[in-house]
C-alpha atoms as a PDB file:
ATOM      1  CA  MET A   1    -111.008   3.247  -8.383  1.00  0.00           C
ATOM      2  CA  PRO A   2    -110.828   6.465 -10.268  1.00  0.00           C
ATOM      3  CA  PRO A   3    -114.324   8.547 -10.323  1.00  0.00           C
ATOM      4  CA  ARG A   4    -116.463   7.893 -13.955  1.00  0.00           C
ATOM      5  CA  SER A   5    -116.105  10.349 -16.439  1.00  0.00           C
ATOM      6  CA  THR A   6    -118.709  12.948 -15.874  1.00  0.00           C
ATOM      7  CA  THR A   7    -119.259  13.533 -19.592  1.00  0.00           C
ATOM      8  CA  TRP A   8    -119.957   9.898 -20.750  1.00  0.00           C
ATOM      9  CA  PRO A   9    -121.491   7.289 -17.883  1.00  0.00           C
ATOM     10  CA  HIS A  10    -120.276   4.703 -19.790  1.00  0.00           C
ATOM     11  CA  GLY A  11    -116.631   5.884 -20.563  1.00  0.00           C
ATOM     12  CA  SER A  12    -113.342   4.304 -19.107  1.00  0.00           C
ATOM     13  CA  PRO A  13    -112.700   6.022 -15.579  1.00  0.00           C
ATOM     14  CA  ILE A  14    -109.252   7.474 -16.995  1.00  0.00           C
ATOM     15  CA  PHE A  15    -110.883   9.520 -19.448  1.00  0.00           C
ATOM     16  CA  GLY A  16    -112.432  11.414 -16.373  1.00  0.00           C
ATOM     17  CA  GLY A  17    -109.073  12.770 -15.795  1.00  0.00           C
ATOM     18  CA  ILE A  18    -107.485  15.714 -18.121  1.00  0.00           C
ATOM     19  CA  PHE A  19    -110.984  16.275 -19.587  1.00  0.00           C
ATOM     20  CA  ASP A  20    -112.925  16.440 -16.475  1.00  0.00           C
ATOM     21  CA  TYR A  21    -112.288  20.404 -16.741  1.00  0.00           C
ATOM     22  CA  ASP A  22    -115.130  21.761 -14.312  1.00  0.00           C
ATOM     23  CA  GLY A  23    -114.108  18.963 -11.547  1.00  0.00           C
ATOM     24  CA  LYS A  24    -110.228  19.796 -11.655  1.00  0.00           C
ATOM     25  CA  ARG A  25    -111.262  23.613 -11.899  1.00  0.00           C
ATOM     26  CA  ASP A  26    -112.747  23.280  -8.870  1.00  0.00           C
ATOM     27  CA  ARG A  27    -110.944  21.335  -6.695  1.00  0.00           C
ATOM     28  CA  LEU A  28    -108.001  23.621  -7.833  1.00  0.00           C
ATOM     29  CA  GLU A  29    -110.407  26.229  -6.097  1.00  0.00           C
ATOM     30  CA  GLU A  30    -110.631  23.930  -3.184  1.00  0.00           C
ATOM     31  CA  VAL A  31    -106.612  23.078  -2.832  1.00  0.00           C
ATOM     32  CA  VAL A  32    -105.555  27.218  -3.265  1.00  0.00           C
ATOM     33  CA  ARG A  33    -108.170  27.430   0.014  1.00  0.00           C
ATOM     34  CA  LEU A  34    -106.717  24.501   1.971  1.00  0.00           C
ATOM     35  CA  THR A  35    -102.819  25.881   1.296  1.00  0.00           C
ATOM     36  CA  GLU A  36    -103.950  29.517   2.176  1.00  0.00           C
ATOM     37  CA  ASP A  37    -104.972  28.478   5.409  1.00  0.00           C
ATOM     38  CA  PRO A  38    -101.616  28.998   8.366  1.00  0.00           C
ATOM     39  CA  GLU A  39    -102.727  25.893   9.798  1.00  0.00           C
ATOM     40  CA  ILE A  40    -101.582  23.656   7.052  1.00  0.00           C
ATOM     41  CA  TRP A  41     -98.125  24.014   7.517  1.00  0.00           C
ATOM     42  CA  ASN A  42     -98.935  22.229  11.088  1.00  0.00           C
ATOM     43  CA  ASP A  43     -98.899  19.203   8.827  1.00  0.00           C
ATOM     44  CA  PRO A  44     -95.653  19.153   6.790  1.00  0.00           C
ATOM     45  CA  LYS A  45     -96.571  15.867   4.719  1.00  0.00           C
ATOM     46  CA  ARG A  46    -100.368  17.364   4.137  1.00  0.00           C
ATOM     47  CA  ALA A  47     -98.943  20.715   3.271  1.00  0.00           C
ATOM     48  CA  GLN A  48     -96.632  18.852   0.642  1.00  0.00           C
ATOM     49  CA  ASP A  49     -99.127  16.335  -0.877  1.00  0.00           C
ATOM     50  CA  LEU A  50    -101.350  19.719  -1.147  1.00  0.00           C
ATOM     51  CA  GLY A  51     -98.552  21.949  -2.943  1.00  0.00           C
ATOM     52  CA  ARG A  52     -98.048  19.153  -5.381  1.00  0.00           C
ATOM     53  CA  GLU A  53    -101.395  18.519  -6.203  1.00  0.00           C
ATOM     54  CA  ARG A  54    -102.117  21.802  -6.823  1.00  0.00           C
ATOM     55  CA  LYS A  55     -99.265  22.253  -9.150  1.00  0.00           C
ATOM     56  CA  GLN A  56    -100.212  19.648 -11.587  1.00  0.00           C
ATOM     57  CA  LEU A  57    -104.079  21.448 -11.350  1.00  0.00           C
ATOM     58  CA  GLU A  58    -102.549  24.203 -12.544  1.00  0.00           C
ATOM     59  CA  ASP A  59    -100.619  22.796 -15.050  1.00  0.00           C
ATOM     60  CA  VAL A  60    -103.899  21.665 -16.848  1.00  0.00           C
ATOM     61  CA  VAL A  61    -106.404  24.024 -15.542  1.00  0.00           C
ATOM     62  CA  LEU A  62    -104.362  27.067 -16.361  1.00  0.00           C
ATOM     63  CA  VAL A  63    -103.306  25.672 -19.711  1.00  0.00           C
ATOM     64  CA  LEU A  64    -106.671  25.217 -20.947  1.00  0.00           C
ATOM     65  CA  ASP A  65    -107.865  28.547 -19.324  1.00  0.00           C
ATOM     66  CA  LYS A  66    -105.015  30.004 -21.728  1.00  0.00           C
ATOM     67  CA  ILE A  67    -105.564  27.845 -24.794  1.00  0.00           C
ATOM     68  CA  GLY A  68    -109.417  28.731 -24.187  1.00  0.00           C
ATOM     69  CA  ALA A  69    -108.794  32.936 -24.462  1.00  0.00           C
ATOM     70  CA  THR A  70    -106.427  32.603 -27.369  1.00  0.00           C
ATOM     71  CA  VAL A  71    -108.840  30.509 -29.522  1.00  0.00           C
ATOM     72  CA  GLU A  72    -111.740  33.079 -28.271  1.00  0.00           C
ATOM     73  CA  ASP A  73    -109.169  36.285 -29.349  1.00  0.00           C
ATOM     74  CA  SER A  74    -108.319  34.023 -32.234  1.00  0.00           C
ATOM     75  CA  ARG A  75    -111.804  34.200 -33.560  1.00  0.00           C
ATOM     76  CA  GLU A  76    -112.618  37.942 -32.984  1.00  0.00           C
ATOM     77  CA  LEU A  77    -109.037  38.934 -34.529  1.00  0.00           C
ATOM     78  CA  PHE A  78    -110.263  36.340 -37.472  1.00  0.00           C
ATOM     79  CA  ASP A  79    -113.459  38.202 -38.078  1.00  0.00           C
ATOM     80  CA  MET A  80    -111.886  41.901 -37.989  1.00  0.00           C
ATOM     81  CA  ALA A  81    -108.733  40.388 -40.455  1.00  0.00           C
ATOM     82  CA  ARG A  82    -111.279  38.613 -42.942  1.00  0.00           C
ATOM     83  CA  GLU A  83    -113.209  41.952 -43.017  1.00  0.00           C
ATOM     84  CA  GLU A  84    -110.288  44.068 -43.875  1.00  0.00           C
ATOM     85  CA  ASN A  85    -108.012  41.255 -46.124  1.00  0.00           C
ATOM     86  CA  ASP A  86    -105.807  41.562 -43.599  1.00  0.00           C
ATOM     87  CA  ASP A  87    -102.559  38.976 -44.581  1.00  0.00           C
ATOM     88  CA  ASP A  88    -101.115  40.042 -41.729  1.00  0.00           C
ATOM     89  CA  THR A  89    -103.183  39.626 -39.038  1.00  0.00           C
ATOM     90  CA  PHE A  90    -103.874  36.238 -40.708  1.00  0.00           C
ATOM     91  CA  ALA A  91     -99.986  35.392 -40.470  1.00  0.00           C
ATOM     92  CA  SER A  92    -100.034  36.231 -36.997  1.00  0.00           C
ATOM     93  CA  LEU A  93    -102.995  34.143 -36.502  1.00  0.00           C
ATOM     94  CA  GLU A  94    -101.163  31.090 -37.832  1.00  0.00           C
ATOM     95  CA  ALA A  95     -98.721  31.336 -35.507  1.00  0.00           C
ATOM     96  CA  ASP A  96    -100.971  31.931 -32.576  1.00  0.00           C
ATOM     97  CA  LEU A  97    -102.756  28.589 -33.402  1.00  0.00           C
ATOM     98  CA  ALA A  98     -99.303  27.112 -33.991  1.00  0.00           C
ATOM     99  CA  GLY A  99     -98.794  27.690 -30.614  1.00  0.00           C
ATOM    100  CA  VAL A 100    -102.440  26.419 -29.223  1.00  0.00           C
ATOM    101  CA  GLU A 101    -101.907  23.596 -31.073  1.00  0.00           C
ATOM    102  CA  GLU A 102     -98.373  22.890 -29.392  1.00  0.00           C
ATOM    103  CA  LYS A 103    -100.182  23.347 -25.855  1.00  0.00           C
ATOM    104  CA  VAL A 104    -102.511  21.067 -26.585  1.00  0.00           C
ATOM    105  CA  SER A 105     -99.997  17.927 -27.920  1.00  0.00           C
ATOM    106  CA  GLN A 106     -98.758  18.738 -25.038  1.00  0.00           C
ATOM    107  CA  LEU A 107    -101.390  18.194 -22.733  1.00  0.00           C
ATOM    108  CA  GLU A 108    -101.832  14.896 -24.596  1.00  0.00           C
ATOM    109  CA  PHE A 109     -98.937  13.516 -24.312  1.00  0.00           C
ATOM    110  CA  ARG A 110     -99.222  14.218 -20.239  1.00  0.00           C
ATOM    111  CA  ARG A 111    -102.742  12.612 -20.439  1.00  0.00           C
ATOM    112  CA  MET A 112    -101.022   9.369 -21.529  1.00  0.00           C
ATOM    113  CA  PHE A 113     -99.182   9.003 -18.610  1.00  0.00           C
ATOM    114  CA  HIS A 114    -102.527   9.648 -15.982  1.00  0.00           C
ATOM    115  CA  ASP A 115    -100.935   7.121 -13.657  1.00  0.00           C
ATOM    116  CA  PRO A 116     -99.151   7.827 -10.546  1.00  0.00           C
ATOM    117  CA  MET A 117     -95.830   5.315 -10.727  1.00  0.00           C
ATOM    118  CA  ASP A 118     -95.833   7.082 -14.700  1.00  0.00           C
ATOM    119  CA  PRO A 119     -92.848   9.509 -13.207  1.00  0.00           C
ATOM    120  CA  ASN A 120     -91.124   6.825 -11.538  1.00  0.00           C
ATOM    121  CA  ASN A 121     -87.447   5.167 -12.445  1.00  0.00           C
ATOM    122  CA  CYS A 122     -88.167   1.770 -14.730  1.00  0.00           C
ATOM    123  CA  PHE A 123     -85.653  -0.947 -14.668  1.00  0.00           C
ATOM    124  CA  ARG A 124     -85.696  -4.258 -16.513  1.00  0.00           C
ATOM    125  CA  ILE A 125     -82.891  -6.981 -15.767  1.00  0.00           C
ATOM    126  CA  PHE A 126     -81.761  -9.280 -18.636  1.00  0.00           C
ATOM    127  CA  ARG A 127     -79.690 -12.343 -17.281  1.00  0.00           C
ATOM    128  CA  GLN A 128     -78.490 -15.169 -19.371  1.00  0.00           C
ATOM    129  CA  ALA A 129     -79.498 -18.462 -19.411  1.00  0.00           C
ATOM    130  CA  LEU A 130     -78.167 -21.651 -20.446  1.00  0.00           C
ATOM    131  CA  SER A 131     -78.853 -20.911 -23.925  1.00  0.00           C
ATOM    132  CA  GLY A 132     -77.412 -20.627 -27.201  1.00  0.00           C
ATOM    133  CA  THR A 133     -75.032 -18.287 -27.709  1.00  0.00           C
ATOM    134  CA  GLU A 134     -76.954 -15.870 -30.002  1.00  0.00           C
ATOM    135  CA  ALA A 135     -79.050 -15.175 -26.067  1.00  0.00           C
ATOM    136  CA  GLN A 136     -76.205 -14.941 -24.131  1.00  0.00           C
ATOM    137  CA  ASP A 137     -74.719 -12.028 -26.530  1.00  0.00           C
ATOM    138  CA  TRP A 138     -78.175 -10.506 -26.393  1.00  0.00           C
ATOM    139  CA  ALA A 139     -78.477 -10.532 -22.620  1.00  0.00           C
END
């Protein structure tokens, strides 16, 4: 069973996934340290698993870092633009924040597919039985 959420003890275990930034950042640091060890290449399977985990963690941690930096920069730029009543800067900020919104939407979409089996293909077979013509046509 996955670990419980660190932010809400009564929450579903899946909520600790994409929202557990601190845990993911710490694990990323650990995985980076492990992958920099030359001995890891003596076990190719472990190296491959760590490389895959590193990529998954970077896809969340680095994106969240970039989102945080963009929002912080935008806040400061907004304050300056408001003081100077600069419409061009407001338009630039609007475009920047639309990009942030897109990144957050992508993270939310990935959060919906948190199960390790989600990337796998799925096949469904329909067979006709001794049913009517409509059922046979549908199958």
